[in-house]
Amino acid sequence: MKITLHEFKEHWSRSLVKTIVYRIVVLILDFSTIYLLTKKIKIAFGFMVASNVYTSIAYYAHERVWNRISWGKKKEQK
């Protein structure tokens, strides 16, 4: 089985879109879980908002750092 490595670097806008899509999924999971545990919409909503502000920033930064790491990538052919 041949493993294909990425031969490109991601543009910042791709990382941003990936962050947004991922965060939407996590928003739904966070709200659902907290609501199921507490049965309180205000608490679930508050947790969802607070949690997703700082974790969205962290995920975006994580994506950008990994984009700079060459491990697992081939050099670009120009």
PDB file of N, CA and C in Angstrom:
ATOM      1  N   MET A   1       0.845  -1.180   0.000  1.00  0.00           N
ATOM      2  CA  MET A   1       0.000   0.000   0.000  1.00  0.00           C
ATOM      3  C   MET A   1       0.887   1.239   0.000  1.00  0.00           C
ATOM      4  N   LYS A   2       0.705   2.107  -0.966  1.00  0.00           N
ATOM      5  CA  LYS A   2       1.496   3.315  -1.084  1.00  0.00           C
ATOM      6  C   LYS A   2       0.792   4.468  -0.360  1.00  0.00           C
ATOM      7  N   ILE A   3       1.543   5.163   0.473  1.00  0.00           N
ATOM      8  CA  ILE A   3       1.006   6.324   1.181  1.00  0.00           C
ATOM      9  C   ILE A   3       1.347   7.565   0.374  1.00  0.00           C
ATOM     10  N   THR A   4       0.330   8.343   0.056  1.00  0.00           N
ATOM     11  CA  THR A   4       0.529   9.582  -0.692  1.00  0.00           C
ATOM     12  C   THR A   4       0.659  10.731   0.295  1.00  0.00           C
ATOM     13  N   LEU A   5       1.713  11.498   0.136  1.00  0.00           N
ATOM     14  CA  LEU A   5       1.936  12.646   1.006  1.00  0.00           C
ATOM     15  C   LEU A   5       1.480  13.916   0.311  1.00  0.00           C
ATOM     16  N   HIS A   6       1.104  14.905   1.112  1.00  0.00           N
ATOM     17  CA  HIS A   6       0.689  16.188   0.548  1.00  0.00           C
ATOM     18  C   HIS A   6       1.873  16.848  -0.149  1.00  0.00           C
ATOM     19  N   GLU A   7       1.633  17.403  -1.297  1.00  0.00           N
ATOM     20  CA  GLU A   7       2.677  18.093  -2.038  1.00  0.00           C
ATOM     21  C   GLU A   7       2.393  19.589  -2.100  1.00  0.00           C
ATOM     22  N   PHE A   8       1.650  20.103  -1.141  1.00  0.00           N
ATOM     23  CA  PHE A   8       1.281  21.511  -1.148  1.00  0.00           C
ATOM     24  C   PHE A   8       1.197  22.019   0.280  1.00  0.00           C
ATOM     25  N   LYS A   9       1.211  23.331   0.385  1.00  0.00           N
ATOM     26  CA  LYS A   9       0.954  23.956   1.681  1.00  0.00           C
ATOM     27  C   LYS A   9      -0.437  24.552   1.622  1.00  0.00           C
ATOM     28  N   GLU A  10      -1.136  24.445   2.732  1.00  0.00           N
ATOM     29  CA  GLU A  10      -2.491  24.982   2.773  1.00  0.00           C
ATOM     30  C   GLU A  10      -2.457  26.501   2.869  1.00  0.00           C
ATOM     31  N   HIS A  11      -3.345  27.123   2.145  1.00  0.00           N
ATOM     32  CA  HIS A  11      -3.525  28.567   2.237  1.00  0.00           C
ATOM     33  C   HIS A  11      -4.262  28.857   3.535  1.00  0.00           C
ATOM     34  N   TRP A  12      -4.054  30.043   4.104  1.00  0.00           N
ATOM     35  CA  TRP A  12      -4.707  30.391   5.363  1.00  0.00           C
ATOM     36  C   TRP A  12      -6.218  30.315   5.264  1.00  0.00           C
ATOM     37  N   SER A  13      -6.790  30.602   4.080  1.00  0.00           N
ATOM     38  CA  SER A  13      -8.257  30.580   3.944  1.00  0.00           C
ATOM     39  C   SER A  13      -8.793  29.156   4.048  1.00  0.00           C
ATOM     40  N   ARG A  14      -8.028  28.164   3.586  1.00  0.00           N
ATOM     41  CA  ARG A  14      -8.448  26.766   3.731  1.00  0.00           C
ATOM     42  C   ARG A  14      -8.479  26.389   5.213  1.00  0.00           C
ATOM     43  N   SER A  15      -7.449  26.799   5.950  1.00  0.00           N
ATOM     44  CA  SER A  15      -7.428  26.530   7.393  1.00  0.00           C
ATOM     45  C   SER A  15      -8.607  27.197   8.083  1.00  0.00           C
ATOM     46  N   LEU A  16      -8.941  28.396   7.661  1.00  0.00           N
ATOM     47  CA  LEU A  16     -10.059  29.120   8.261  1.00  0.00           C
ATOM     48  C   LEU A  16     -11.388  28.409   7.997  1.00  0.00           C
ATOM     49  N   VAL A  17     -11.618  27.963   6.768  1.00  0.00           N
ATOM     50  CA  VAL A  17     -12.859  27.256   6.431  1.00  0.00           C
ATOM     51  C   VAL A  17     -12.940  25.938   7.203  1.00  0.00           C
ATOM     52  N   LYS A  18     -11.826  25.207   7.284  1.00  0.00           N
ATOM     53  CA  LYS A  18     -11.811  23.966   8.056  1.00  0.00           C
ATOM     54  C   LYS A  18     -12.143  24.239   9.517  1.00  0.00           C
ATOM     55  N   THR A  19     -11.615  25.327  10.053  1.00  0.00           N
ATOM     56  CA  THR A  19     -11.891  25.705  11.434  1.00  0.00           C
ATOM     57  C   THR A  19     -13.381  25.970  11.631  1.00  0.00           C
ATOM     58  N   ILE A  20     -13.982  26.724  10.735  1.00  0.00           N
ATOM     59  CA  ILE A  20     -15.403  27.075  10.851  1.00  0.00           C
ATOM     60  C   ILE A  20     -16.290  25.838  10.783  1.00  0.00           C
ATOM     61  N   VAL A  21     -16.041  24.968   9.825  1.00  0.00           N
ATOM     62  CA  VAL A  21     -16.856  23.752   9.683  1.00  0.00           C
ATOM     63  C   VAL A  21     -16.714  22.868  10.922  1.00  0.00           C
ATOM     64  N   TYR A  22     -15.485  22.691  11.375  1.00  0.00           N
ATOM     65  CA  TYR A  22     -15.249  21.876  12.565  1.00  0.00           C
ATOM     66  C   TYR A  22     -15.945  22.471  13.779  1.00  0.00           C
ATOM     67  N   ARG A  23     -15.867  23.785  13.923  1.00  0.00           N
ATOM     68  CA  ARG A  23     -16.478  24.424  15.079  1.00  0.00           C
ATOM     69  C   ARG A  23     -17.989  24.309  15.067  1.00  0.00           C
ATOM     70  N   ILE A  24     -18.614  24.331  13.899  1.00  0.00           N
ATOM     71  CA  ILE A  24     -20.069  24.149  13.822  1.00  0.00           C
ATOM     72  C   ILE A  24     -20.457  22.784  14.375  1.00  0.00           C
ATOM     73  N   VAL A  25     -19.704  21.767  13.986  1.00  0.00           N
ATOM     74  CA  VAL A  25     -19.969  20.416  14.497  1.00  0.00           C
ATOM     75  C   VAL A  25     -19.800  20.389  16.014  1.00  0.00           C
ATOM     76  N   VAL A  26     -18.732  20.997  16.509  1.00  0.00           N
ATOM     77  CA  VAL A  26     -18.474  21.002  17.945  1.00  0.00           C
ATOM     78  C   VAL A  26     -19.519  21.825  18.700  1.00  0.00           C
ATOM     79  N   LEU A  27     -19.984  22.922  18.107  1.00  0.00           N
ATOM     80  CA  LEU A  27     -21.050  23.712  18.743  1.00  0.00           C
ATOM     81  C   LEU A  27     -22.278  22.850  19.011  1.00  0.00           C
ATOM     82  N   ILE A  28     -22.667  22.100  18.011  1.00  0.00           N
ATOM     83  CA  ILE A  28     -23.844  21.231  18.147  1.00  0.00           C
ATOM     84  C   ILE A  28     -23.614  20.174  19.217  1.00  0.00           C
ATOM     85  N   LEU A  29     -22.431  19.560  19.203  1.00  0.00           N
ATOM     86  CA  LEU A  29     -22.127  18.533  20.206  1.00  0.00           C
ATOM     87  C   LEU A  29     -22.054  19.115  21.612  1.00  0.00           C
ATOM     88  N   ASP A  30     -21.398  20.279  21.760  1.00  0.00           N
ATOM     89  CA  ASP A  30     -21.303  20.919  23.074  1.00  0.00           C
ATOM     90  C   ASP A  30     -22.681  21.257  23.629  1.00  0.00           C
ATOM     91  N   PHE A  31     -23.488  21.925  22.813  1.00  0.00           N
ATOM     92  CA  PHE A  31     -24.814  22.327  23.273  1.00  0.00           C
ATOM     93  C   PHE A  31     -25.647  21.103  23.654  1.00  0.00           C
ATOM     94  N   SER A  32     -25.649  20.105  22.790  1.00  0.00           N
ATOM     95  CA  SER A  32     -26.449  18.897  23.031  1.00  0.00           C
ATOM     96  C   SER A  32     -26.034  18.189  24.312  1.00  0.00           C
ATOM     97  N   THR A  33     -24.739  18.038  24.509  1.00  0.00           N
ATOM     98  CA  THR A  33     -24.250  17.331  25.690  1.00  0.00           C
ATOM     99  C   THR A  33     -24.587  18.079  26.969  1.00  0.00           C
ATOM    100  N   ILE A  34     -24.294  19.374  26.999  1.00  0.00           N
ATOM    101  CA  ILE A  34     -24.567  20.151  28.218  1.00  0.00           C
ATOM    102  C   ILE A  34     -26.070  20.229  28.488  1.00  0.00           C
ATOM    103  N   TYR A  35     -26.862  20.364  27.427  1.00  0.00           N
ATOM    104  CA  TYR A  35     -28.320  20.406  27.623  1.00  0.00           C
ATOM    105  C   TYR A  35     -28.832  19.076  28.170  1.00  0.00           C
ATOM    106  N   LEU A  36     -28.326  17.977  27.624  1.00  0.00           N
ATOM    107  CA  LEU A  36     -28.765  16.669  28.119  1.00  0.00           C
ATOM    108  C   LEU A  36     -28.383  16.455  29.580  1.00  0.00           C
ATOM    109  N   LEU A  37     -27.251  17.005  30.002  1.00  0.00           N
ATOM    110  CA  LEU A  37     -26.809  16.843  31.384  1.00  0.00           C
ATOM    111  C   LEU A  37     -27.523  17.780  32.348  1.00  0.00           C
ATOM    112  N   THR A  38     -27.850  18.994  31.896  1.00  0.00           N
ATOM    113  CA  THR A  38     -28.426  19.987  32.813  1.00  0.00           C
ATOM    114  C   THR A  38     -29.907  20.267  32.581  1.00  0.00           C
ATOM    115  N   LYS A  39     -30.383  20.002  31.375  1.00  0.00           N
ATOM    116  CA  LYS A  39     -31.762  20.329  30.974  1.00  0.00           C
ATOM    117  C   LYS A  39     -32.030  21.840  31.046  1.00  0.00           C
ATOM    118  N   LYS A  40     -30.944  22.648  30.931  1.00  0.00           N
ATOM    119  CA  LYS A  40     -31.076  24.104  30.997  1.00  0.00           C
ATOM    120  C   LYS A  40     -30.456  24.723  29.757  1.00  0.00           C
ATOM    121  N   ILE A  41     -31.293  25.398  28.972  1.00  0.00           N
ATOM    122  CA  ILE A  41     -30.843  25.986  27.710  1.00  0.00           C
ATOM    123  C   ILE A  41     -29.816  27.095  27.954  1.00  0.00           C
ATOM    124  N   LYS A  42     -30.038  27.952  28.957  1.00  0.00           N
ATOM    125  CA  LYS A  42     -29.112  29.056  29.213  1.00  0.00           C
ATOM    126  C   LYS A  42     -27.710  28.554  29.559  1.00  0.00           C
ATOM    127  N   ILE A  43     -27.631  27.549  30.384  1.00  0.00           N
ATOM    128  CA  ILE A  43     -26.324  26.995  30.760  1.00  0.00           C
ATOM    129  C   ILE A  43     -25.660  26.356  29.543  1.00  0.00           C
ATOM    130  N   ALA A  44     -26.410  25.585  28.784  1.00  0.00           N
ATOM    131  CA  ALA A  44     -25.857  24.934  27.590  1.00  0.00           C
ATOM    132  C   ALA A  44     -25.374  25.963  26.581  1.00  0.00           C
ATOM    133  N   PHE A  45     -26.156  27.003  26.374  1.00  0.00           N
ATOM    134  CA  PHE A  45     -25.779  28.048  25.416  1.00  0.00           C
ATOM    135  C   PHE A  45     -24.545  28.811  25.904  1.00  0.00           C
ATOM    136  N   GLY A  46     -24.519  29.170  27.177  1.00  0.00           N
ATOM    137  CA  GLY A  46     -23.382  29.898  27.740  1.00  0.00           C
ATOM    138  C   GLY A  46     -22.091  29.107  27.631  1.00  0.00           C
ATOM    139  N   PHE A  47     -22.161  27.840  27.982  1.00  0.00           N
ATOM    140  CA  PHE A  47     -20.970  26.993  27.862  1.00  0.00           C
ATOM    141  C   PHE A  47     -20.530  26.880  26.415  1.00  0.00           C
ATOM    142  N   MET A  48     -21.485  26.684  25.517  1.00  0.00           N
ATOM    143  CA  MET A  48     -21.192  26.526  24.098  1.00  0.00           C
ATOM    144  C   MET A  48     -20.458  27.766  23.563  1.00  0.00           C
ATOM    145  N   VAL A  49     -20.945  28.939  23.885  1.00  0.00           N
ATOM    146  CA  VAL A  49     -20.331  30.173  23.390  1.00  0.00           C
ATOM    147  C   VAL A  49     -18.929  30.353  23.971  1.00  0.00           C
ATOM    148  N   ALA A  50     -18.816  30.269  25.289  1.00  0.00           N
ATOM    149  CA  ALA A  50     -17.515  30.489  25.941  1.00  0.00           C
ATOM    150  C   ALA A  50     -16.477  29.486  25.457  1.00  0.00           C
ATOM    151  N   SER A  51     -16.839  28.247  25.435  1.00  0.00           N
ATOM    152  CA  SER A  51     -15.917  27.192  25.030  1.00  0.00           C
ATOM    153  C   SER A  51     -15.453  27.363  23.591  1.00  0.00           C
ATOM    154  N   ASN A  52     -16.360  27.726  22.725  1.00  0.00           N
ATOM    155  CA  ASN A  52     -16.023  27.762  21.310  1.00  0.00           C
ATOM    156  C   ASN A  52     -15.286  29.015  20.870  1.00  0.00           C
ATOM    157  N   VAL A  53     -15.293  30.050  21.670  1.00  0.00           N
ATOM    158  CA  VAL A  53     -14.503  31.231  21.321  1.00  0.00           C
ATOM    159  C   VAL A  53     -13.013  30.887  21.424  1.00  0.00           C
ATOM    160  N   TYR A  54     -12.588  30.414  22.595  1.00  0.00           N
ATOM    161  CA  TYR A  54     -11.152  30.152  22.752  1.00  0.00           C
ATOM    162  C   TYR A  54     -10.694  28.892  22.024  1.00  0.00           C
ATOM    163  N   THR A  55     -11.541  27.880  21.898  1.00  0.00           N
ATOM    164  CA  THR A  55     -11.101  26.675  21.191  1.00  0.00           C
ATOM    165  C   THR A  55     -11.032  26.892  19.678  1.00  0.00           C
ATOM    166  N   SER A  56     -11.827  27.802  19.138  1.00  0.00           N
ATOM    167  CA  SER A  56     -11.730  28.120  17.705  1.00  0.00           C
ATOM    168  C   SER A  56     -10.403  28.800  17.395  1.00  0.00           C
ATOM    169  N   ILE A  57     -10.016  29.712  18.258  1.00  0.00           N
ATOM    170  CA  ILE A  57      -8.731  30.384  18.075  1.00  0.00           C
ATOM    171  C   ILE A  57      -7.592  29.371  18.191  1.00  0.00           C
ATOM    172  N   ALA A  58      -7.684  28.490  19.167  1.00  0.00           N
ATOM    173  CA  ALA A  58      -6.647  27.481  19.362  1.00  0.00           C
ATOM    174  C   ALA A  58      -6.571  26.525  18.168  1.00  0.00           C
ATOM    175  N   TYR A  59      -7.711  26.115  17.635  1.00  0.00           N
ATOM    176  CA  TYR A  59      -7.713  25.195  16.489  1.00  0.00           C
ATOM    177  C   TYR A  59      -7.090  25.853  15.263  1.00  0.00           C
ATOM    178  N   TYR A  60      -7.434  27.103  14.999  1.00  0.00           N
ATOM    179  CA  TYR A  60      -6.870  27.817  13.851  1.00  0.00           C
ATOM    180  C   TYR A  60      -5.348  27.922  13.998  1.00  0.00           C
ATOM    181  N   ALA A  61      -4.885  28.301  15.185  1.00  0.00           N
ATOM    182  CA  ALA A  61      -3.444  28.398  15.423  1.00  0.00           C
ATOM    183  C   ALA A  61      -2.780  27.035  15.241  1.00  0.00           C
ATOM    184  N   HIS A  62      -3.425  25.993  15.724  1.00  0.00           N
ATOM    185  CA  HIS A  62      -2.929  24.627  15.571  1.00  0.00           C
ATOM    186  C   HIS A  62      -2.771  24.256  14.096  1.00  0.00           C
ATOM    187  N   GLU A  63      -3.748  24.586  13.279  1.00  0.00           N
ATOM    188  CA  GLU A  63      -3.689  24.322  11.835  1.00  0.00           C
ATOM    189  C   GLU A  63      -2.530  25.066  11.180  1.00  0.00           C
ATOM    190  N   ARG A  64      -2.339  26.326  11.546  1.00  0.00           N
ATOM    191  CA  ARG A  64      -1.288  27.130  10.938  1.00  0.00           C
ATOM    192  C   ARG A  64       0.097  26.630  11.355  1.00  0.00           C
ATOM    193  N   VAL A  65       0.240  26.211  12.608  1.00  0.00           N
ATOM    194  CA  VAL A  65       1.523  25.662  13.055  1.00  0.00           C
ATOM    195  C   VAL A  65       1.826  24.378  12.295  1.00  0.00           C
ATOM    196  N   TRP A  66       0.854  23.481  12.188  1.00  0.00           N
ATOM    197  CA  TRP A  66       1.071  22.219  11.483  1.00  0.00           C
ATOM    198  C   TRP A  66       1.360  22.448  10.003  1.00  0.00           C
ATOM    199  N   ASN A  67       0.846  23.511   9.434  1.00  0.00           N
ATOM    200  CA  ASN A  67       1.134  23.806   8.041  1.00  0.00           C
ATOM    201  C   ASN A  67       2.620  24.127   7.844  1.00  0.00           C
ATOM    202  N   ARG A  68       3.277  24.636   8.866  1.00  0.00           N
ATOM    203  CA  ARG A  68       4.698  24.985   8.784  1.00  0.00           C
ATOM    204  C   ARG A  68       5.615  23.791   9.048  1.00  0.00           C
ATOM    205  N   ILE A  69       5.077  22.711   9.562  1.00  0.00           N
ATOM    206  CA  ILE A  69       5.878  21.525   9.860  1.00  0.00           C
ATOM    207  C   ILE A  69       5.971  20.669   8.605  1.00  0.00           C
ATOM    208  N   SER A  70       7.183  20.385   8.195  1.00  0.00           N
ATOM    209  CA  SER A  70       7.367  19.661   6.931  1.00  0.00           C
ATOM    210  C   SER A  70       7.248  18.150   7.082  1.00  0.00           C
ATOM    211  N   TRP A  71       7.214  17.651   8.295  1.00  0.00           N
ATOM    212  CA  TRP A  71       7.111  16.219   8.523  1.00  0.00           C
ATOM    213  C   TRP A  71       5.860  15.657   7.828  1.00  0.00           C
ATOM    214  N   GLY A  72       6.040  14.637   7.011  1.00  0.00           N
ATOM    215  CA  GLY A  72       4.916  14.012   6.316  1.00  0.00           C
ATOM    216  C   GLY A  72       4.540  14.688   5.015  1.00  0.00           C
ATOM    217  N   LYS A  73       5.325  15.653   4.572  1.00  0.00           N
ATOM    218  CA  LYS A  73       5.052  16.353   3.319  1.00  0.00           C
ATOM    219  C   LYS A  73       6.250  16.210   2.404  1.00  0.00           C
ATOM    220  N   LYS A  74       6.001  16.344   1.126  1.00  0.00           N
ATOM    221  CA  LYS A  74       7.069  16.410   0.139  1.00  0.00           C
ATOM    222  C   LYS A  74       7.319  17.871  -0.193  1.00  0.00           C
ATOM    223  N   LYS A  75       8.504  18.161  -0.681  1.00  0.00           N
ATOM    224  CA  LYS A  75       8.786  19.525  -1.112  1.00  0.00           C
ATOM    225  C   LYS A  75       7.964  19.857  -2.346  1.00  0.00           C
ATOM    226  N   GLU A  76       7.573  21.123  -2.444  1.00  0.00           N
ATOM    227  CA  GLU A  76       6.799  21.574  -3.606  1.00  0.00           C
ATOM    228  C   GLU A  76       7.665  21.541  -4.850  1.00  0.00           C
ATOM    229  N   GLN A  77       7.077  21.088  -5.948  1.00  0.00           N
ATOM    230  CA  GLN A  77       7.754  21.092  -7.232  1.00  0.00           C
ATOM    231  C   GLN A  77       7.385  22.367  -7.961  1.00  0.00           C
ATOM    232  N   LYS A  78       8.381  23.194  -8.327  1.00  0.00           N
ATOM    233  CA  LYS A  78       8.058  24.457  -8.992  1.00  0.00           C
ATOM    234  C   LYS A  78       8.563  24.447 -10.406  1.00  0.00           C
TER     235      LYS A  78
END
